[in-house]
Full PDB file with SEQRES, HELIX, SHEET, SSBOND, CRYST1, ORIGX, SCALE, CONECT and MASTER records, all heavy atoms in Angstrom:
SEQRES   1 A   31  LEU ALA PRO ARG LEU PRO PRO THR SER THR ALA VAL LYS          
SEQRES   2 A   31  GLY GLY SER PRO PRO HIS VAL THR ALA CYS ILE LYS PRO          
SEQRES   3 A   31  THR GLY THR PHE ARG                                          
HELIX    1 AA1 PRO A    7  SER A    9  5                                   3    
CRYST1    1.000    1.000    1.000  90.00  90.00  90.00 P 1           1          
ORIGX1      1.000000  0.000000  0.000000        0.00000                         
ORIGX2      0.000000  1.000000  0.000000        0.00000                         
ORIGX3      0.000000  0.000000  1.000000        0.00000                         
SCALE1      1.000000  0.000000  0.000000        0.00000                         
SCALE2      0.000000  1.000000  0.000000        0.00000                         
SCALE3      0.000000  0.000000  1.000000        0.00000                         
ATOM      1  N   LEU A   1      20.133  -7.341   6.102  1.00  0.00           N  
ATOM      2  CA  LEU A   1      19.693  -7.669   4.748  1.00  0.00           C  
ATOM      3  C   LEU A   1      18.249  -8.139   4.811  1.00  0.00           C  
ATOM      4  O   LEU A   1      17.957  -9.223   5.322  1.00  0.00           O  
ATOM      5  CB  LEU A   1      20.591  -8.750   4.139  1.00  0.00           C  
ATOM      6  CG  LEU A   1      22.072  -8.366   4.024  1.00  0.00           C  
ATOM      7  CD1 LEU A   1      22.891  -9.543   3.537  1.00  0.00           C  
ATOM      8  CD2 LEU A   1      22.244  -7.178   3.090  1.00  0.00           C  
ATOM      9  N   ALA A   2      17.347  -7.319   4.312  1.00  0.00           N  
ATOM     10  CA  ALA A   2      15.917  -7.639   4.404  1.00  0.00           C  
ATOM     11  C   ALA A   2      15.221  -7.283   3.098  1.00  0.00           C  
ATOM     12  O   ALA A   2      14.387  -6.373   3.044  1.00  0.00           O  
ATOM     13  CB  ALA A   2      15.288  -6.884   5.572  1.00  0.00           C  
ATOM     14  N   PRO A   3      15.551  -7.990   2.003  1.00  0.00           N  
ATOM     15  CA  PRO A   3      14.894  -7.666   0.730  1.00  0.00           C  
ATOM     16  C   PRO A   3      13.409  -7.989   0.784  1.00  0.00           C  
ATOM     17  O   PRO A   3      12.993  -8.920   1.462  1.00  0.00           O  
ATOM     18  CB  PRO A   3      15.627  -8.576  -0.274  1.00  0.00           C  
ATOM     19  CG  PRO A   3      16.102  -9.726   0.548  1.00  0.00           C  
ATOM     20  CD  PRO A   3      16.459  -9.140   1.889  1.00  0.00           C  
ATOM     21  N   ARG A   4      12.627  -7.200   0.075  1.00  0.00           N  
ATOM     22  CA  ARG A   4      11.189  -7.466  -0.008  1.00  0.00           C  
ATOM     23  C   ARG A   4      10.961  -8.528  -1.081  1.00  0.00           C  
ATOM     24  O   ARG A   4      10.967  -8.239  -2.276  1.00  0.00           O  
ATOM     25  CB  ARG A   4      10.443  -6.172  -0.345  1.00  0.00           C  
ATOM     26  CG  ARG A   4      10.595  -5.098   0.731  1.00  0.00           C  
ATOM     27  CD  ARG A   4       9.742  -3.871   0.397  1.00  0.00           C  
ATOM     28  NE  ARG A   4       9.833  -2.872   1.449  1.00  0.00           N  
ATOM     29  CZ  ARG A   4      10.672  -1.845   1.422  1.00  0.00           C  
ATOM     30  NH1 ARG A   4      11.508  -1.700   0.414  1.00  0.00           N  
ATOM     31  NH2 ARG A   4      10.700  -0.967   2.406  1.00  0.00           N  
ATOM     32  N   LEU A   5      10.767  -9.756  -0.659  1.00  0.00           N  
ATOM     33  CA  LEU A   5      10.625 -10.861  -1.601  1.00  0.00           C  
ATOM     34  C   LEU A   5       9.244 -10.857  -2.226  1.00  0.00           C  
ATOM     35  O   LEU A   5       8.249 -10.629  -1.534  1.00  0.00           O  
ATOM     36  CB  LEU A   5      10.863 -12.202  -0.892  1.00  0.00           C  
ATOM     37  CG  LEU A   5      12.172 -12.331  -0.110  1.00  0.00           C  
ATOM     38  CD1 LEU A   5      12.292 -13.736   0.459  1.00  0.00           C  
ATOM     39  CD2 LEU A   5      13.356 -12.017  -0.987  1.00  0.00           C  
ATOM     40  N   PRO A   6       9.142 -11.121  -3.539  1.00  0.00           N  
ATOM     41  CA  PRO A   6       7.827 -11.190  -4.174  1.00  0.00           C  
ATOM     42  C   PRO A   6       7.086 -12.438  -3.728  1.00  0.00           C  
ATOM     43  O   PRO A   6       7.701 -13.403  -3.262  1.00  0.00           O  
ATOM     44  CB  PRO A   6       8.170 -11.253  -5.670  1.00  0.00           C  
ATOM     45  CG  PRO A   6       9.530 -11.833  -5.721  1.00  0.00           C  
ATOM     46  CD  PRO A   6      10.243 -11.325  -4.488  1.00  0.00           C  
ATOM     47  N   PRO A   7       5.754 -12.472  -3.865  1.00  0.00           N  
ATOM     48  CA  PRO A   7       4.977 -13.644  -3.432  1.00  0.00           C  
ATOM     49  C   PRO A   7       5.417 -14.935  -4.106  1.00  0.00           C  
ATOM     50  O   PRO A   7       5.337 -16.007  -3.522  1.00  0.00           O  
ATOM     51  CB  PRO A   7       3.546 -13.274  -3.830  1.00  0.00           C  
ATOM     52  CG  PRO A   7       3.543 -11.785  -3.888  1.00  0.00           C  
ATOM     53  CD  PRO A   7       4.910 -11.389  -4.351  1.00  0.00           C  
ATOM     54  N   THR A   8       5.928 -14.848  -5.345  1.00  0.00           N  
ATOM     55  CA  THR A   8       6.318 -16.054  -6.071  1.00  0.00           C  
ATOM     56  C   THR A   8       7.570 -16.694  -5.510  1.00  0.00           C  
ATOM     57  O   THR A   8       7.972 -17.764  -5.942  1.00  0.00           O  
ATOM     58  CB  THR A   8       6.570 -15.729  -7.556  1.00  0.00           C  
ATOM     59  OG1 THR A   8       7.498 -14.648  -7.636  1.00  0.00           O  
ATOM     60  CG2 THR A   8       5.279 -15.307  -8.237  1.00  0.00           C  
ATOM     61  N   SER A   9       8.215 -16.035  -4.535  1.00  0.00           N  
ATOM     62  CA  SER A   9       9.442 -16.603  -3.975  1.00  0.00           C  
ATOM     63  C   SER A   9       9.160 -17.663  -2.923  1.00  0.00           C  
ATOM     64  O   SER A   9      10.080 -18.306  -2.428  1.00  0.00           O  
ATOM     65  CB  SER A   9      10.293 -15.491  -3.357  1.00  0.00           C  
ATOM     66  OG  SER A   9       9.658 -14.964  -2.216  1.00  0.00           O  
ATOM     67  N   THR A  10       7.906 -17.851  -2.544  1.00  0.00           N  
ATOM     68  CA  THR A  10       7.594 -18.878  -1.561  1.00  0.00           C  
ATOM     69  C   THR A  10       7.859 -20.249  -2.140  1.00  0.00           C  
ATOM     70  O   THR A  10       7.733 -20.474  -3.337  1.00  0.00           O  
ATOM     71  CB  THR A  10       6.123 -18.778  -1.131  1.00  0.00           C  
ATOM     72  OG1 THR A  10       5.302 -18.834  -2.291  1.00  0.00           O  
ATOM     73  CG2 THR A  10       5.867 -17.470  -0.393  1.00  0.00           C  
ATOM     74  N   ALA A  11       8.236 -21.183  -1.291  1.00  0.00           N  
ATOM     75  CA  ALA A  11       8.630 -22.508  -1.769  1.00  0.00           C  
ATOM     76  C   ALA A  11       7.443 -23.257  -2.353  1.00  0.00           C  
ATOM     77  O   ALA A  11       6.315 -23.153  -1.890  1.00  0.00           O  
ATOM     78  CB  ALA A  11       9.218 -23.311  -0.619  1.00  0.00           C  
ATOM     79  N   VAL A  12       7.718 -23.998  -3.408  1.00  0.00           N  
ATOM     80  CA  VAL A  12       6.703 -24.868  -3.976  1.00  0.00           C  
ATOM     81  C   VAL A  12       6.443 -26.009  -3.004  1.00  0.00           C  
ATOM     82  O   VAL A  12       7.367 -26.530  -2.380  1.00  0.00           O  
ATOM     83  CB  VAL A  12       7.190 -25.423  -5.342  1.00  0.00           C  
ATOM     84  CG1 VAL A  12       6.140 -26.369  -5.925  1.00  0.00           C  
ATOM     85  CG2 VAL A  12       7.477 -24.287  -6.305  1.00  0.00           C  
ATOM     86  N   LYS A  13       5.180 -26.385  -2.854  1.00  0.00           N  
ATOM     87  CA  LYS A  13       4.819 -27.416  -1.893  1.00  0.00           C  
ATOM     88  C   LYS A  13       5.626 -28.685  -2.159  1.00  0.00           C  
ATOM     89  O   LYS A  13       5.664 -29.194  -3.270  1.00  0.00           O  
ATOM     90  CB  LYS A  13       3.320 -27.719  -1.982  1.00  0.00           C  
ATOM     91  CG  LYS A  13       2.835 -28.689  -0.912  1.00  0.00           C  
ATOM     92  CD  LYS A  13       1.330 -28.894  -0.995  1.00  0.00           C  
ATOM     93  CE  LYS A  13       0.852 -29.849   0.099  1.00  0.00           C  
ATOM     94  NZ  LYS A  13      -0.614 -30.057   0.031  1.00  0.00           N  
ATOM     95  N   GLY A  14       6.283 -29.172  -1.133  1.00  0.00           N  
ATOM     96  CA  GLY A  14       7.081 -30.383  -1.259  1.00  0.00           C  
ATOM     97  C   GLY A  14       8.480 -30.139  -1.782  1.00  0.00           C  
ATOM     98  O   GLY A  14       9.296 -31.049  -1.829  1.00  0.00           O  
ATOM     99  N   GLY A  15       8.801 -28.883  -2.187  1.00  0.00           N  
ATOM    100  CA  GLY A  15      10.126 -28.595  -2.713  1.00  0.00           C  
ATOM    101  C   GLY A  15      10.988 -27.896  -1.684  1.00  0.00           C  
ATOM    102  O   GLY A  15      10.581 -27.651  -0.548  1.00  0.00           O  
ATOM    103  N   SER A  16      12.209 -27.562  -2.076  1.00  0.00           N  
ATOM    104  CA  SER A  16      13.137 -26.880  -1.176  1.00  0.00           C  
ATOM    105  C   SER A  16      12.801 -25.390  -1.129  1.00  0.00           C  
ATOM    106  O   SER A  16      12.400 -24.806  -2.136  1.00  0.00           O  
ATOM    107  CB  SER A  16      14.578 -27.062  -1.657  1.00  0.00           C  
ATOM    108  OG  SER A  16      14.913 -28.433  -1.707  1.00  0.00           O  
ATOM    109  N   PRO A  17      12.951 -24.746   0.024  1.00  0.00           N  
ATOM    110  CA  PRO A  17      12.694 -23.305   0.098  1.00  0.00           C  
ATOM    111  C   PRO A  17      13.718 -22.553  -0.732  1.00  0.00           C  
ATOM    112  O   PRO A  17      14.876 -22.967  -0.846  1.00  0.00           O  
ATOM    113  CB  PRO A  17      12.844 -23.004   1.589  1.00  0.00           C  
ATOM    114  CG  PRO A  17      13.698 -24.104   2.126  1.00  0.00           C  
ATOM    115  CD  PRO A  17      13.361 -25.312   1.314  1.00  0.00           C  
ATOM    116  N   PRO A  18      13.323 -21.439  -1.359  1.00  0.00           N  
ATOM    117  CA  PRO A  18      14.243 -20.689  -2.212  1.00  0.00           C  
ATOM    118  C   PRO A  18      15.305 -19.972  -1.392  1.00  0.00           C  
ATOM    119  O   PRO A  18      15.059 -19.564  -0.256  1.00  0.00           O  
ATOM    120  CB  PRO A  18      13.333 -19.692  -2.924  1.00  0.00           C  
ATOM    121  CG  PRO A  18      12.210 -19.470  -1.952  1.00  0.00           C  
ATOM    122  CD  PRO A  18      12.009 -20.781  -1.256  1.00  0.00           C  
ATOM    123  N   HIS A  19      16.479 -19.820  -1.966  1.00  0.00           N  
ATOM    124  CA  HIS A  19      17.536 -19.060  -1.325  1.00  0.00           C  
ATOM    125  C   HIS A  19      17.488 -17.610  -1.816  1.00  0.00           C  
ATOM    126  O   HIS A  19      16.965 -17.313  -2.884  1.00  0.00           O  
ATOM    127  CB  HIS A  19      18.910 -19.654  -1.658  1.00  0.00           C  
ATOM    128  CG  HIS A  19      19.243 -20.889  -0.889  1.00  0.00           C  
ATOM    129  ND1 HIS A  19      18.665 -22.115  -1.151  1.00  0.00           N  
ATOM    130  CD2 HIS A  19      20.102 -21.099   0.145  1.00  0.00           C  
ATOM    131  CE1 HIS A  19      19.151 -23.024  -0.317  1.00  0.00           C  
ATOM    132  NE2 HIS A  19      20.025 -22.432   0.480  1.00  0.00           N  
ATOM    133  N   VAL A  20      18.055 -16.738  -1.030  1.00  0.00           N  
ATOM    134  CA  VAL A  20      18.292 -15.355  -1.441  1.00  0.00           C  
ATOM    135  C   VAL A  20      19.798 -15.202  -1.582  1.00  0.00           C  
ATOM    136  O   VAL A  20      20.558 -15.741  -0.777  1.00  0.00           O  
ATOM    137  CB  VAL A  20      17.745 -14.357  -0.410  1.00  0.00           C  
ATOM    138  CG1 VAL A  20      17.973 -12.926  -0.885  1.00  0.00           C  
ATOM    139  CG2 VAL A  20      16.267 -14.605  -0.159  1.00  0.00           C  
ATOM    140  N   THR A  21      20.222 -14.497  -2.617  1.00  0.00           N  
ATOM    141  CA  THR A  21      21.647 -14.319  -2.867  1.00  0.00           C  
ATOM    142  C   THR A  21      21.993 -12.838  -2.878  1.00  0.00           C  
ATOM    143  O   THR A  21      21.245 -12.028  -3.424  1.00  0.00           O  
ATOM    144  CB  THR A  21      22.047 -14.951  -4.216  1.00  0.00           C  
ATOM    145  OG1 THR A  21      21.846 -16.360  -4.147  1.00  0.00           O  
ATOM    146  CG2 THR A  21      23.503 -14.672  -4.541  1.00  0.00           C  
ATOM    147  N   ALA A  22      23.091 -12.497  -2.264  1.00  0.00           N  
ATOM    148  CA  ALA A  22      23.595 -11.117  -2.288  1.00  0.00           C  
ATOM    149  C   ALA A  22      24.985 -11.110  -2.898  1.00  0.00           C  
ATOM    150  O   ALA A  22      25.776 -12.040  -2.671  1.00  0.00           O  
ATOM    151  CB  ALA A  22      23.641 -10.532  -0.880  1.00  0.00           C  
ATOM    152  N   CYS A  23      25.272 -10.084  -3.679  1.00  0.00           N  
ATOM    153  CA  CYS A  23      26.610  -9.876  -4.228  1.00  0.00           C  
ATOM    154  C   CYS A  23      27.085  -8.483  -3.814  1.00  0.00           C  
ATOM    155  O   CYS A  23      26.319  -7.511  -3.874  1.00  0.00           O  
ATOM    156  CB  CYS A  23      26.606  -9.999  -5.745  1.00  0.00           C  
ATOM    157  SG  CYS A  23      26.310 -11.681  -6.357  1.00  0.00           S  
ATOM    158  N   ILE A  24      28.328  -8.422  -3.364  1.00  0.00           N  
ATOM    159  CA  ILE A  24      28.943  -7.182  -2.904  1.00  0.00           C  
ATOM    160  C   ILE A  24      30.163  -6.893  -3.772  1.00  0.00           C  
ATOM    161  O   ILE A  24      31.006  -7.770  -3.975  1.00  0.00           O  
ATOM    162  CB  ILE A  24      29.399  -7.294  -1.429  1.00  0.00           C  
ATOM    163  CG1 ILE A  24      28.249  -7.763  -0.536  1.00  0.00           C  
ATOM    164  CG2 ILE A  24      29.992  -5.985  -0.941  1.00  0.00           C  
ATOM    165  CD1 ILE A  24      27.129  -6.784  -0.399  1.00  0.00           C  
ATOM    166  N   LYS A  25      30.264  -5.662  -4.287  1.00  0.00           N  
ATOM    167  CA  LYS A  25      31.428  -5.288  -5.089  1.00  0.00           C  
ATOM    168  C   LYS A  25      32.012  -3.984  -4.563  1.00  0.00           C  
ATOM    169  O   LYS A  25      31.365  -2.934  -4.644  1.00  0.00           O  
ATOM    170  CB  LYS A  25      31.049  -5.130  -6.569  1.00  0.00           C  
ATOM    171  CG  LYS A  25      32.254  -4.901  -7.477  1.00  0.00           C  
ATOM    172  CD  LYS A  25      31.874  -4.899  -8.931  1.00  0.00           C  
ATOM    173  CE  LYS A  25      33.101  -4.781  -9.816  1.00  0.00           C  
ATOM    174  NZ  LYS A  25      32.736  -4.782 -11.261  1.00  0.00           N  
ATOM    175  N   PRO A  26      33.228  -4.023  -3.993  1.00  0.00           N  
ATOM    176  CA  PRO A  26      33.827  -2.797  -3.450  1.00  0.00           C  
ATOM    177  C   PRO A  26      34.309  -1.872  -4.560  1.00  0.00           C  
ATOM    178  O   PRO A  26      34.623  -2.318  -5.674  1.00  0.00           O  
ATOM    179  CB  PRO A  26      35.013  -3.322  -2.636  1.00  0.00           C  
ATOM    180  CG  PRO A  26      35.409  -4.582  -3.344  1.00  0.00           C  
ATOM    181  CD  PRO A  26      34.110  -5.187  -3.845  1.00  0.00           C  
ATOM    182  N   THR A  27      34.366  -0.597  -4.261  1.00  0.00           N  
ATOM    183  CA  THR A  27      34.975   0.340  -5.200  1.00  0.00           C  
ATOM    184  C   THR A  27      36.488   0.170  -5.158  1.00  0.00           C  
ATOM    185  O   THR A  27      37.042  -0.417  -4.225  1.00  0.00           O  
ATOM    186  CB  THR A  27      34.624   1.789  -4.823  1.00  0.00           C  
ATOM    187  OG1 THR A  27      35.176   2.074  -3.525  1.00  0.00           O  
ATOM    188  CG2 THR A  27      33.118   2.000  -4.801  1.00  0.00           C  
ATOM    189  N   GLY A  28      37.153   0.709  -6.156  1.00  0.00           N  
ATOM    190  CA  GLY A  28      38.607   0.613  -6.191  1.00  0.00           C  
ATOM    191  C   GLY A  28      39.283   1.423  -5.101  1.00  0.00           C  
ATOM    192  O   GLY A  28      40.473   1.238  -4.839  1.00  0.00           O  
ATOM    193  N   THR A  29      38.529   2.319  -4.446  1.00  0.00           N  
ATOM    194  CA  THR A  29      39.101   3.177  -3.396  1.00  0.00           C  
ATOM    195  C   THR A  29      38.598   2.773  -2.015  1.00  0.00           C  
ATOM    196  O   THR A  29      38.623   3.594  -1.090  1.00  0.00           O  
ATOM    197  CB  THR A  29      38.751   4.644  -3.664  1.00  0.00           C  
ATOM    198  OG1 THR A  29      37.321   4.782  -3.767  1.00  0.00           O  
ATOM    199  CG2 THR A  29      39.385   5.117  -4.962  1.00  0.00           C  
ATOM    200  N   PHE A  30      38.127   1.525  -1.862  1.00  0.00           N  
ATOM    201  CA  PHE A  30      37.609   1.059  -0.570  1.00  0.00           C  
ATOM    202  C   PHE A  30      38.734   1.089   0.461  1.00  0.00           C  
ATOM    203  O   PHE A  30      39.717   0.360   0.352  1.00  0.00           O  
ATOM    204  CB  PHE A  30      37.066  -0.362  -0.725  1.00  0.00           C  
ATOM    205  CG  PHE A  30      36.356  -0.904   0.499  1.00  0.00           C  
ATOM    206  CD1 PHE A  30      34.974  -0.927   0.561  1.00  0.00           C  
ATOM    207  CD2 PHE A  30      37.077  -1.397   1.580  1.00  0.00           C  
ATOM    208  CE1 PHE A  30      34.315  -1.440   1.670  1.00  0.00           C  
ATOM    209  CE2 PHE A  30      36.438  -1.903   2.693  1.00  0.00           C  
ATOM    210  CZ  PHE A  30      35.053  -1.920   2.742  1.00  0.00           C  
ATOM    211  N   ARG A  31      38.592   1.944   1.480  1.00  0.00           N  
ATOM    212  CA  ARG A  31      39.613   2.088   2.513  1.00  0.00           C  
ATOM    213  C   ARG A  31      38.939   2.378   3.856  1.00  0.00           C  
ATOM    214  O   ARG A  31      37.818   2.875   3.912  1.00  0.00           O  
ATOM    215  CB  ARG A  31      40.571   3.253   2.200  1.00  0.00           C  
ATOM    216  CG  ARG A  31      41.373   3.120   0.914  1.00  0.00           C  
ATOM    217  CD  ARG A  31      42.397   2.004   0.968  1.00  0.00           C  
ATOM    218  NE  ARG A  31      43.254   2.021  -0.210  1.00  0.00           N  
ATOM    219  CZ  ARG A  31      42.924   1.484  -1.382  1.00  0.00           C  
ATOM    220  NH1 ARG A  31      41.736   0.911  -1.524  1.00  0.00           N  
ATOM    221  NH2 ARG A  31      43.757   1.520  -2.405  1.00  0.00           N  
TER     222      ARG A  31                                                      
MASTER        0    0    0    1    0    0    0    6  221    1    0    3          
END                                                                             
């Protein structure tokens, strides 16, 4: 998982670093 993060995703000075979130949804025929 290596999304190309935009420049605005960098942490604000003194704040917490931003998280990246992924969501996965299987098809109904996942086998």
